Amino acid sequence: MNSILVNIIDKLVIQSRTNSGGCGPAATTEHYLFQIMLVLRSGMQWQHLKSNLHYTTYHKTHMKWCKLGIYELAFKLSLKLAKFTRVELKNLFIDSSMIKNKQGTDCIGANHYDRYRSATKVNVIVTSTGIPLSINVVKANIHDSTLTASAVNSLNVKVIGSRLIADKGYINKAYKKKLKKSHRIKLIYPVRKNQNVKNTTFELNILKKRSIVEHFFSWLKNYRKIQVRHDKTIVSFEGFIYLASLNILHNKRVVSLE
């Protein structure tokens, strides 16, 4: 476990405990994170954890941190501390991925790719190096083209004059104009065959680099707890997504606390 990651979360947890007036934990933050990361990576059930503390202690700690937004705050703080070059932020990539639902009761919708079974959709914007800048978890039956606005508005890094590369699911002429006018971001996607306009040679070449967002989803789903949703509440599942993304960020980028 990255020591910087532990320090960031530890400071947020201590601050939240001071504000709420709660008592101290039974173990260190590093110990809790190690056990929670073990569940995240392996996808095991909480009761299979082998530790001196009861498994419900780790589950309750995870739920507490999720409800307090600890993982999300740590993720956003890490992005603020990270330094991005103009080249990295010049081309941004947006896409969504379906997560098959097993036990979730909220934030689920019909997945038309899987015989309309229930699923949860994860929508992200990543840099040209695969670092996530925006994460949104929604129902599976929400169309991708309607998620562009919320994804851009939830960017955790200031972006001006960039290109946002997407697939055909994000075709939306009205928002393409609005995005360029309000955020100075150019939305690029492959046009359909029945459209009068055509993609330029430059656009066709840049669309070939869109595989980086697929690589990010591959890294994300290496954490087996995210491959299939077994979490009953979206708060818990979203917490795991932020924790996995936070770990991916720290593995790809050294963040200084100074």
C-alpha atoms as a PDB file:
ATOM      1  CA  MET A   1       0.000   0.000   0.000  1.00  0.00           C
ATOM      2  CA  ASN A   2       1.373   3.406  -0.992  1.00  0.00           C
ATOM      3  CA  SER A   3       2.374   5.368   2.138  1.00  0.00           C
ATOM      4  CA  ILE A   4       1.172   8.639   0.583  1.00  0.00           C
ATOM      5  CA  LEU A   5      -2.239   7.070  -0.032  1.00  0.00           C
ATOM      6  CA  VAL A   6      -2.414   6.015   3.627  1.00  0.00           C
ATOM      7  CA  ASN A   7      -1.426   9.514   4.803  1.00  0.00           C
ATOM      8  CA  ILE A   8      -4.094  11.208   2.689  1.00  0.00           C
ATOM      9  CA  ILE A   9      -6.906   8.947   3.890  1.00  0.00           C
ATOM     10  CA  ASP A  10      -5.629   9.001   7.484  1.00  0.00           C
ATOM     11  CA  LYS A  11      -5.810  12.807   7.615  1.00  0.00           C
ATOM     12  CA  LEU A  12      -9.346  12.808   6.207  1.00  0.00           C
ATOM     13  CA  VAL A  13     -10.498  10.122   8.666  1.00  0.00           C
ATOM     14  CA  ILE A  14      -8.987  11.903  11.686  1.00  0.00           C
ATOM     15  CA  GLN A  15     -10.628  15.174  10.632  1.00  0.00           C
ATOM     16  CA  SER A  16     -14.035  13.524  10.233  1.00  0.00           C
ATOM     17  CA  ARG A  17     -13.667  11.793  13.614  1.00  0.00           C
ATOM     18  CA  THR A  18     -12.784  15.112  15.299  1.00  0.00           C
ATOM     19  CA  ASN A  19     -15.814  16.838  13.773  1.00  0.00           C
ATOM     20  CA  SER A  20     -18.194  14.052  14.811  1.00  0.00           C
ATOM     21  CA  GLY A  21     -16.681  13.529  18.260  1.00  0.00           C
ATOM     22  CA  GLY A  22     -16.268   9.752  17.725  1.00  0.00           C
ATOM     23  CA  CYS A  23     -13.878   7.480  19.618  1.00  0.00           C
ATOM     24  CA  GLY A  24     -10.634   6.123  18.188  1.00  0.00           C
ATOM     25  CA  PRO A  25     -10.447   3.011  15.991  1.00  0.00           C
ATOM     26  CA  ALA A  26      -9.429  -0.454  17.158  1.00  0.00           C
ATOM     27  CA  ALA A  27      -6.544  -0.550  14.654  1.00  0.00           C
ATOM     28  CA  THR A  28      -4.511   1.776  12.459  1.00  0.00           C
ATOM     29  CA  THR A  29      -5.813   3.227   9.215  1.00  0.00           C
ATOM     30  CA  GLU A  30      -3.118   1.307   7.340  1.00  0.00           C
ATOM     31  CA  HIS A  31      -4.412  -1.969   8.812  1.00  0.00           C
ATOM     32  CA  TYR A  32      -8.006  -1.210   7.813  1.00  0.00           C
ATOM     33  CA  LEU A  33      -6.935  -0.178   4.320  1.00  0.00           C
ATOM     34  CA  PHE A  34      -4.893  -3.346   3.882  1.00  0.00           C
ATOM     35  CA  GLN A  35      -7.893  -5.543   4.694  1.00  0.00           C
ATOM     36  CA  ILE A  36     -10.301  -3.466   2.575  1.00  0.00           C
ATOM     37  CA  MET A  37      -7.854  -3.534  -0.348  1.00  0.00           C
ATOM     38  CA  LEU A  38      -7.632  -7.309   0.081  1.00  0.00           C
ATOM     39  CA  VAL A  39     -11.409  -7.557  -0.383  1.00  0.00           C
ATOM     40  CA  LEU A  40     -11.255  -5.147  -3.323  1.00  0.00           C
ATOM     41  CA  ARG A  41      -8.488  -7.005  -5.143  1.00  0.00           C
ATOM     42  CA  SER A  42      -9.636 -10.576  -4.507  1.00  0.00           C
ATOM     43  CA  GLY A  43     -13.415 -10.038  -4.521  1.00  0.00           C
ATOM     44  CA  MET A  44     -13.749 -12.245  -1.430  1.00  0.00           C
ATOM     45  CA  GLN A  45     -16.635 -11.970   1.011  1.00  0.00           C
ATOM     46  CA  TRP A  46     -16.010  -9.986   4.166  1.00  0.00           C
ATOM     47  CA  GLN A  47     -16.430 -13.037   6.425  1.00  0.00           C
ATOM     48  CA  HIS A  48     -13.465 -14.733   4.735  1.00  0.00           C
ATOM     49  CA  LEU A  49     -11.031 -12.154   6.062  1.00  0.00           C
ATOM     50  CA  LYS A  50      -8.507 -13.651   8.467  1.00  0.00           C
ATOM     51  CA  SER A  51      -7.595 -11.109  11.130  1.00  0.00           C
ATOM     52  CA  ASN A  52      -7.636 -10.524  14.870  1.00  0.00           C
ATOM     53  CA  LEU A  53     -10.646  -8.220  14.497  1.00  0.00           C
ATOM     54  CA  HIS A  54     -14.111  -9.434  13.556  1.00  0.00           C
ATOM     55  CA  TYR A  55     -14.868  -9.122   9.834  1.00  0.00           C
ATOM     56  CA  THR A  56     -17.864  -6.844  10.528  1.00  0.00           C
ATOM     57  CA  THR A  57     -15.435  -4.250  11.910  1.00  0.00           C
ATOM     58  CA  TYR A  58     -13.834  -3.871   8.487  1.00  0.00           C
ATOM     59  CA  HIS A  59     -17.172  -3.794   6.705  1.00  0.00           C
ATOM     60  CA  LYS A  60     -18.520  -1.145   9.066  1.00  0.00           C
ATOM     61  CA  THR A  61     -15.331   0.906   8.655  1.00  0.00           C
ATOM     62  CA  HIS A  62     -15.609   0.672   4.866  1.00  0.00           C
ATOM     63  CA  MET A  63     -19.274   1.747   4.967  1.00  0.00           C
ATOM     64  CA  LYS A  64     -18.463   4.614   7.325  1.00  0.00           C
ATOM     65  CA  TRP A  65     -15.724   5.896   5.030  1.00  0.00           C
ATOM     66  CA  CYS A  66     -18.016   5.534   2.014  1.00  0.00           C
ATOM     67  CA  LYS A  67     -20.826   7.529   3.660  1.00  0.00           C
ATOM     68  CA  LEU A  68     -18.349  10.220   4.714  1.00  0.00           C
ATOM     69  CA  GLY A  69     -16.999  10.348   1.155  1.00  0.00           C
ATOM     70  CA  ILE A  70     -13.462   9.565   2.320  1.00  0.00           C
ATOM     71  CA  TYR A  71     -12.439   7.681  -0.831  1.00  0.00           C
ATOM     72  CA  GLU A  72     -13.887  10.335  -3.130  1.00  0.00           C
ATOM     73  CA  LEU A  73     -12.215  13.141  -1.187  1.00  0.00           C
ATOM     74  CA  ALA A  74      -8.880  11.317  -1.234  1.00  0.00           C
ATOM     75  CA  PHE A  75      -9.225  10.758  -4.975  1.00  0.00           C
ATOM     76  CA  LYS A  76     -10.015  14.414  -5.689  1.00  0.00           C
ATOM     77  CA  LEU A  77      -7.231  15.610  -3.360  1.00  0.00           C
ATOM     78  CA  SER A  78      -4.729  13.348  -5.128  1.00  0.00           C
ATOM     79  CA  LEU A  79      -5.731  14.817  -8.491  1.00  0.00           C
ATOM     80  CA  LYS A  80      -5.244  18.328  -7.101  1.00  0.00           C
ATOM     81  CA  LEU A  81      -1.761  17.396  -5.867  1.00  0.00           C
ATOM     82  CA  ALA A  82      -0.781  15.663  -9.100  1.00  0.00           C
ATOM     83  CA  LYS A  83       0.862  17.743 -11.795  1.00  0.00           C
ATOM     84  CA  PHE A  84      -0.332  17.242 -15.369  1.00  0.00           C
ATOM     85  CA  THR A  85       1.412  18.461 -18.501  1.00  0.00           C
ATOM     86  CA  ARG A  86      -0.448  20.269 -21.272  1.00  0.00           C
ATOM     87  CA  VAL A  87       0.182  17.301 -23.563  1.00  0.00           C
ATOM     88  CA  GLU A  88      -1.632  14.957 -21.147  1.00  0.00           C
ATOM     89  CA  LEU A  89      -4.669  17.231 -20.877  1.00  0.00           C
ATOM     90  CA  LYS A  90      -4.819  18.177 -24.554  1.00  0.00           C
ATOM     91  CA  ASN A  91      -6.627  14.978 -25.513  1.00  0.00           C
ATOM     92  CA  LEU A  92      -9.204  13.566 -23.076  1.00  0.00           C
ATOM     93  CA  PHE A  93     -11.158  10.359 -23.617  1.00  0.00           C
ATOM     94  CA  ILE A  94     -14.681   9.539 -22.426  1.00  0.00           C
ATOM     95  CA  ASP A  95     -16.458   6.199 -22.333  1.00  0.00           C
ATOM     96  CA  SER A  96     -18.719   3.980 -20.218  1.00  0.00           C
ATOM     97  CA  SER A  97     -18.614   0.387 -19.060  1.00  0.00           C
ATOM     98  CA  MET A  98     -21.398  -1.884 -17.826  1.00  0.00           C
ATOM     99  CA  ILE A  99     -21.020  -3.677 -14.495  1.00  0.00           C
ATOM    100  CA  LYS A 100     -23.241  -6.730 -14.151  1.00  0.00           C
ATOM    101  CA  ASN A 101     -25.447  -6.548 -11.052  1.00  0.00           C
ATOM    102  CA  LYS A 102     -26.007  -9.465  -8.675  1.00  0.00           C
ATOM    103  CA  GLN A 103     -27.169  -8.072  -5.328  1.00  0.00           C
ATOM    104  CA  GLY A 104     -27.477  -4.311  -5.804  1.00  0.00           C
ATOM    105  CA  THR A 105     -30.830  -2.719  -5.010  1.00  0.00           C
ATOM    106  CA  ASP A 106     -30.278   0.874  -6.142  1.00  0.00           C
ATOM    107  CA  CYS A 107     -28.760   2.655  -9.151  1.00  0.00           C
ATOM    108  CA  ILE A 108     -29.465  -0.262 -11.491  1.00  0.00           C
ATOM    109  CA  GLY A 109     -31.068  -0.406 -14.926  1.00  0.00           C
ATOM    110  CA  ALA A 110     -31.647  -2.742 -17.847  1.00  0.00           C
ATOM    111  CA  ASN A 111     -28.504  -3.575 -19.821  1.00  0.00           C
ATOM    112  CA  HIS A 112     -29.466  -4.095 -23.467  1.00  0.00           C
ATOM    113  CA  TYR A 113     -26.059  -5.702 -24.109  1.00  0.00           C
ATOM    114  CA  ASP A 114     -26.870  -8.505 -21.642  1.00  0.00           C
ATOM    115  CA  ARG A 115     -30.475  -9.496 -22.470  1.00  0.00           C
ATOM    116  CA  TYR A 116     -31.792  -6.546 -20.426  1.00  0.00           C
ATOM    117  CA  ARG A 117     -30.480  -7.868 -17.138  1.00  0.00           C
ATOM    118  CA  SER A 118     -29.848  -5.338 -14.394  1.00  0.00           C
ATOM    119  CA  ALA A 119     -26.516  -3.528 -14.376  1.00  0.00           C
ATOM    120  CA  THR A 120     -24.741  -0.378 -13.257  1.00  0.00           C
ATOM    121  CA  LYS A 121     -22.853   1.915 -15.632  1.00  0.00           C
ATOM    122  CA  VAL A 122     -19.511   3.579 -14.876  1.00  0.00           C
ATOM    123  CA  ASN A 123     -18.765   6.682 -16.963  1.00  0.00           C
ATOM    124  CA  VAL A 124     -15.240   8.154 -16.920  1.00  0.00           C
ATOM    125  CA  ILE A 125     -13.016  10.764 -18.541  1.00  0.00           C
ATOM    126  CA  VAL A 126      -9.319   9.862 -18.663  1.00  0.00           C
ATOM    127  CA  THR A 127      -6.152  11.585 -19.825  1.00  0.00           C
ATOM    128  CA  SER A 128      -3.966  10.403 -22.697  1.00  0.00           C
ATOM    129  CA  THR A 129      -2.030   8.328 -20.143  1.00  0.00           C
ATOM    130  CA  GLY A 130      -5.137   6.690 -18.680  1.00  0.00           C
ATOM    131  CA  ILE A 131      -5.467   8.702 -15.455  1.00  0.00           C
ATOM    132  CA  PRO A 132      -9.164   9.206 -14.513  1.00  0.00           C
ATOM    133  CA  LEU A 133     -10.238  12.828 -14.081  1.00  0.00           C
ATOM    134  CA  SER A 134     -13.993  12.283 -13.752  1.00  0.00           C
ATOM    135  CA  ILE A 135     -16.004   9.306 -12.474  1.00  0.00           C
ATOM    136  CA  ASN A 136     -19.791   8.979 -12.540  1.00  0.00           C
ATOM    137  CA  VAL A 137     -21.811   5.906 -11.553  1.00  0.00           C
ATOM    138  CA  VAL A 138     -25.335   5.773 -13.033  1.00  0.00           C
ATOM    139  CA  LYS A 139     -28.069   3.350 -14.048  1.00  0.00           C
ATOM    140  CA  ALA A 140     -27.286   1.112 -17.035  1.00  0.00           C
ATOM    141  CA  ASN A 141     -30.296   2.300 -19.062  1.00  0.00           C
ATOM    142  CA  ILE A 142     -29.111   5.927 -19.234  1.00  0.00           C
ATOM    143  CA  HIS A 143     -27.779   6.765 -22.712  1.00  0.00           C
ATOM    144  CA  ASP A 144     -24.134   7.788 -23.029  1.00  0.00           C
ATOM    145  CA  SER A 145     -24.917  11.000 -24.919  1.00  0.00           C
ATOM    146  CA  THR A 146     -26.761  12.380 -21.886  1.00  0.00           C
ATOM    147  CA  LEU A 147     -23.755  11.784 -19.599  1.00  0.00           C
ATOM    148  CA  THR A 148     -21.309  14.106 -21.338  1.00  0.00           C
ATOM    149  CA  ALA A 149     -22.465  17.228 -19.496  1.00  0.00           C
ATOM    150  CA  SER A 150     -22.247  15.713 -16.001  1.00  0.00           C
ATOM    151  CA  ALA A 151     -18.883  14.104 -16.827  1.00  0.00           C
ATOM    152  CA  VAL A 152     -17.352  17.406 -17.967  1.00  0.00           C
ATOM    153  CA  ASN A 153     -18.856  19.333 -15.043  1.00  0.00           C
ATOM    154  CA  SER A 154     -17.371  16.847 -12.555  1.00  0.00           C
ATOM    155  CA  LEU A 155     -13.830  17.136 -13.922  1.00  0.00           C
ATOM    156  CA  ASN A 156     -11.436  17.473 -10.980  1.00  0.00           C
ATOM    157  CA  VAL A 157      -8.755  19.281 -13.002  1.00  0.00           C
ATOM    158  CA  LYS A 158      -9.076  22.621 -14.769  1.00  0.00           C
ATOM    159  CA  VAL A 159      -9.244  21.915 -18.493  1.00  0.00           C
ATOM    160  CA  ILE A 160      -9.379  24.594 -21.207  1.00  0.00           C
ATOM    161  CA  GLY A 161      -8.971  24.180 -24.937  1.00  0.00           C
ATOM    162  CA  SER A 162      -8.838  20.386 -24.867  1.00  0.00           C
ATOM    163  CA  ARG A 163     -10.337  17.761 -27.149  1.00  0.00           C
ATOM    164  CA  LEU A 164     -12.810  15.213 -25.798  1.00  0.00           C
ATOM    165  CA  ILE A 165     -12.665  12.015 -27.847  1.00  0.00           C
ATOM    166  CA  ALA A 166     -15.664   9.676 -27.697  1.00  0.00           C
ATOM    167  CA  ASP A 167     -17.361   6.856 -29.608  1.00  0.00           C
ATOM    168  CA  LYS A 168     -20.643   6.916 -31.574  1.00  0.00           C
ATOM    169  CA  GLY A 169     -22.685   6.625 -28.377  1.00  0.00           C
ATOM    170  CA  TYR A 170     -21.848  10.247 -27.544  1.00  0.00           C
ATOM    171  CA  ILE A 171     -23.077  11.803 -30.797  1.00  0.00           C
ATOM    172  CA  ASN A 172     -24.958  14.958 -29.825  1.00  0.00           C
ATOM    173  CA  LYS A 173     -24.696  18.000 -32.100  1.00  0.00           C
ATOM    174  CA  ALA A 174     -26.433  20.362 -29.676  1.00  0.00           C
ATOM    175  CA  TYR A 175     -24.125  19.585 -26.775  1.00  0.00           C
ATOM    176  CA  LYS A 176     -21.079  19.585 -29.053  1.00  0.00           C
ATOM    177  CA  LYS A 177     -21.713  23.272 -29.792  1.00  0.00           C
ATOM    178  CA  LYS A 178     -22.549  24.035 -26.162  1.00  0.00           C
ATOM    179  CA  LEU A 179     -19.402  22.303 -24.911  1.00  0.00           C
ATOM    180  CA  LYS A 180     -17.175  24.286 -27.258  1.00  0.00           C
ATOM    181  CA  LYS A 181     -18.829  27.566 -26.293  1.00  0.00           C
ATOM    182  CA  SER A 182     -18.965  27.117 -22.503  1.00  0.00           C
ATOM    183  CA  HIS A 183     -15.847  25.029 -21.774  1.00  0.00           C
ATOM    184  CA  ARG A 184     -13.768  25.563 -24.943  1.00  0.00           C
ATOM    185  CA  ILE A 185     -13.623  21.782 -25.337  1.00  0.00           C
ATOM    186  CA  LYS A 186     -13.984  20.206 -28.781  1.00  0.00           C
ATOM    187  CA  LEU A 187     -16.032  17.004 -28.804  1.00  0.00           C
ATOM    188  CA  ILE A 188     -14.771  14.529 -31.419  1.00  0.00           C
ATOM    189  CA  TYR A 189     -16.615  11.336 -32.313  1.00  0.00           C
ATOM    190  CA  PRO A 190     -16.889   9.104 -35.420  1.00  0.00           C
ATOM    191  CA  VAL A 191     -19.781  10.315 -37.563  1.00  0.00           C
ATOM    192  CA  ARG A 192     -22.352   7.893 -38.935  1.00  0.00           C
ATOM    193  CA  LYS A 193     -22.361   6.819 -42.572  1.00  0.00           C
ATOM    194  CA  ASN A 194     -25.686   8.522 -43.240  1.00  0.00           C
ATOM    195  CA  GLN A 195     -24.436  11.935 -42.081  1.00  0.00           C
ATOM    196  CA  ASN A 196     -23.421  14.598 -44.573  1.00  0.00           C
ATOM    197  CA  VAL A 197     -20.302  15.629 -42.646  1.00  0.00           C
ATOM    198  CA  LYS A 198     -17.181  13.471 -42.555  1.00  0.00           C
ATOM    199  CA  ASN A 199     -14.344  13.129 -40.070  1.00  0.00           C
ATOM    200  CA  THR A 200     -11.120  14.831 -41.075  1.00  0.00           C
ATOM    201  CA  THR A 201      -7.883  12.876 -41.401  1.00  0.00           C
ATOM    202  CA  PHE A 202      -6.683  14.421 -38.122  1.00  0.00           C
ATOM    203  CA  GLU A 203      -9.862  13.328 -36.332  1.00  0.00           C
ATOM    204  CA  LEU A 204      -9.612   9.800 -37.705  1.00  0.00           C
ATOM    205  CA  ASN A 205      -6.034   9.524 -36.466  1.00  0.00           C
ATOM    206  CA  ILE A 206      -6.875  10.828 -33.007  1.00  0.00           C
ATOM    207  CA  LEU A 207      -9.881   8.489 -32.716  1.00  0.00           C
ATOM    208  CA  LYS A 208      -7.470   5.554 -33.012  1.00  0.00           C
ATOM    209  CA  LYS A 209      -5.967   6.535 -29.650  1.00  0.00           C
ATOM    210  CA  ARG A 210      -9.302   6.011 -27.858  1.00  0.00           C
ATOM    211  CA  SER A 211      -8.158   2.561 -26.723  1.00  0.00           C
ATOM    212  CA  ILE A 212      -6.567   4.191 -23.652  1.00  0.00           C
ATOM    213  CA  VAL A 213      -9.968   4.491 -21.962  1.00  0.00           C
ATOM    214  CA  GLU A 214     -10.538   0.777 -22.604  1.00  0.00           C
ATOM    215  CA  HIS A 215      -7.180   0.115 -20.952  1.00  0.00           C
ATOM    216  CA  PHE A 216      -8.375   2.047 -17.895  1.00  0.00           C
ATOM    217  CA  PHE A 217     -11.499  -0.110 -17.608  1.00  0.00           C
ATOM    218  CA  SER A 218      -9.269  -3.165 -17.909  1.00  0.00           C
ATOM    219  CA  TRP A 219      -7.114  -1.881 -15.018  1.00  0.00           C
ATOM    220  CA  LEU A 220     -10.241  -1.068 -13.016  1.00  0.00           C
ATOM    221  CA  LYS A 221     -11.748  -4.522 -13.497  1.00  0.00           C
ATOM    222  CA  ASN A 222      -8.518  -6.170 -12.397  1.00  0.00           C
ATOM    223  CA  TYR A 223      -9.968  -5.446  -8.965  1.00  0.00           C
ATOM    224  CA  ARG A 224     -12.349  -8.395  -8.781  1.00  0.00           C
ATOM    225  CA  LYS A 225     -14.783  -6.656  -6.425  1.00  0.00           C
ATOM    226  CA  ILE A 226     -15.671  -4.334  -9.326  1.00  0.00           C
ATOM    227  CA  GLN A 227     -16.023  -6.969 -12.073  1.00  0.00           C
ATOM    228  CA  VAL A 228     -19.509  -7.891 -10.824  1.00  0.00           C
ATOM    229  CA  ARG A 229     -21.517  -5.788  -8.385  1.00  0.00           C
ATOM    230  CA  HIS A 230     -22.286  -7.732  -5.200  1.00  0.00           C
ATOM    231  CA  ASP A 231     -22.648  -4.624  -3.012  1.00  0.00           C
ATOM    232  CA  LYS A 232     -26.225  -3.989  -1.981  1.00  0.00           C
ATOM    233  CA  THR A 233     -25.889  -0.191  -1.823  1.00  0.00           C
ATOM    234  CA  ILE A 234     -24.410   2.032  -4.504  1.00  0.00           C
ATOM    235  CA  VAL A 235     -22.541   3.943  -1.788  1.00  0.00           C
ATOM    236  CA  SER A 236     -20.394   0.890  -1.015  1.00  0.00           C
ATOM    237  CA  PHE A 237     -19.815  -0.032  -4.666  1.00  0.00           C
ATOM    238  CA  GLU A 238     -18.953   3.547  -5.624  1.00  0.00           C
ATOM    239  CA  GLY A 239     -16.507   3.652  -2.715  1.00  0.00           C
ATOM    240  CA  PHE A 240     -14.698   0.621  -4.109  1.00  0.00           C
ATOM    241  CA  ILE A 241     -14.525   2.282  -7.546  1.00  0.00           C
ATOM    242  CA  TYR A 242     -12.976   5.443  -6.084  1.00  0.00           C
ATOM    243  CA  LEU A 243     -10.535   3.389  -4.011  1.00  0.00           C
ATOM    244  CA  ALA A 244      -9.468   1.356  -7.055  1.00  0.00           C
ATOM    245  CA  SER A 245      -9.136   4.518  -9.172  1.00  0.00           C
ATOM    246  CA  LEU A 246      -7.154   6.144  -6.378  1.00  0.00           C
ATOM    247  CA  ASN A 247      -4.779   3.188  -6.319  1.00  0.00           C
ATOM    248  CA  ILE A 248      -4.423   3.299 -10.123  1.00  0.00           C
ATOM    249  CA  LEU A 249      -3.612   7.012  -9.899  1.00  0.00           C
ATOM    250  CA  HIS A 250      -0.917   6.459  -7.274  1.00  0.00           C
ATOM    251  CA  ASN A 251       0.570   3.548  -9.213  1.00  0.00           C
ATOM    252  CA  LYS A 252       0.879   5.697 -12.330  1.00  0.00           C
ATOM    253  CA  ARG A 253       1.764   9.007 -10.707  1.00  0.00           C
ATOM    254  CA  VAL A 254       3.765   9.940  -7.599  1.00  0.00           C
ATOM    255  CA  VAL A 255       1.779  12.575  -5.694  1.00  0.00           C
ATOM    256  CA  SER A 256       3.534  14.924  -3.289  1.00  0.00           C
ATOM    257  CA  LEU A 257       1.819  16.086  -0.101  1.00  0.00           C
ATOM    258  CA  GLU A 258       3.924  19.266   0.062  1.00  0.00           C
END
